Protein backbone atom coordinates (compact mmCIF):
# COMPACT_ATOMS: atom_id res chain seq x y z
CA UNK A 1 -19.07 281.16 123.06
CA UNK A 2 -15.49 281.22 123.22
CA UNK A 3 -13.17 278.23 123.52
CA UNK A 4 -10.16 277.64 125.85
CA UNK A 5 -8.20 275.51 128.27
CA UNK A 6 -7.74 275.52 131.85
CA UNK A 7 -4.43 276.79 132.83
CA UNK A 8 -5.06 276.09 136.48
CA UNK A 9 -7.96 275.58 138.99
CA UNK A 10 -7.67 275.20 142.75
CA UNK A 11 -11.12 273.91 144.04
CA UNK A 12 -10.10 274.81 147.70
CA UNK A 13 -9.58 278.49 146.73
CA UNK A 14 -12.42 278.21 144.13
CA UNK A 15 -10.72 280.02 141.73
CA UNK A 16 -8.21 279.63 138.48
CA UNK A 17 -7.24 280.62 134.95
CA UNK A 18 -8.37 279.80 131.55
CA UNK A 19 -6.43 280.77 128.51
CA UNK A 20 -8.52 281.72 125.45
CA UNK A 21 -7.73 279.45 122.34
CA UNK A 22 -7.88 282.49 119.89
CA UNK A 23 -6.24 285.23 121.77
CA UNK A 24 -3.98 283.29 124.29
CA UNK A 25 -5.08 285.80 126.85
CA UNK A 26 -5.68 284.48 130.42
CA UNK A 27 -9.03 285.13 132.03
CA UNK A 28 -9.68 284.61 135.77
CA UNK A 29 -12.44 282.13 136.52
CA UNK A 30 -14.42 281.77 139.88
CA UNK A 31 -16.30 278.67 141.02
CA UNK A 32 -19.64 280.54 140.92
CA UNK A 33 -19.05 281.25 137.25
CA UNK A 34 -18.65 277.37 136.49
CA UNK A 35 -21.53 275.31 135.15
CA UNK A 36 -20.89 271.42 135.66
CA UNK A 37 -23.03 268.46 135.37
CA UNK A 38 -23.26 266.03 138.11
CA UNK A 39 -19.90 264.17 138.37
CA UNK A 40 -17.92 266.65 136.43
CA UNK A 41 -14.77 268.39 137.61
CA UNK A 42 -12.78 271.10 136.20
CA UNK A 43 -9.01 270.12 135.68
CA UNK A 44 -5.89 271.27 134.14
CA UNK A 45 -5.51 271.27 130.47
CA UNK A 46 -9.13 270.64 130.05
CA UNK A 47 -10.98 272.27 127.08
CA UNK A 48 -14.03 274.55 128.05
CA UNK A 49 -16.41 276.95 126.51
CA UNK A 50 -16.93 280.18 128.22
CA UNK A 51 -18.11 283.83 127.96
CA UNK A 52 -16.17 286.92 129.02
CA UNK A 53 -17.41 289.47 131.62
CA UNK A 54 -15.35 292.77 132.07
CA UNK A 55 -14.60 293.76 135.67
CA UNK A 56 -12.44 296.86 136.36
CA UNK A 57 -9.11 295.89 134.99
CA UNK A 58 -9.83 292.22 134.70
CA UNK A 59 -11.62 289.88 132.33
CA UNK A 60 -13.47 286.97 133.96
CA UNK A 61 -14.50 283.81 132.37
CA UNK A 62 -18.17 283.21 133.01
CA UNK A 63 -20.74 280.52 132.18
CA UNK A 64 -17.80 278.08 131.97
CA UNK A 65 -18.71 274.45 130.56
CA UNK A 66 -16.66 271.61 129.80
CA UNK A 67 -16.46 271.20 125.75
């Protein structure tokens, strides 16, 4: 799994951006690709673990979990 930080996340839109800690590249994240435990929320600057899935011209962060 890769490590990164949440740059932004808008729960009402269900999407945001995660910055990869190693490459500093941004990856789009969608609500259906976030795995949260009961009571957890995704917040700006939060450390996360994730995988990358390639979609056309964009890399999505998937299986996103709070570190």
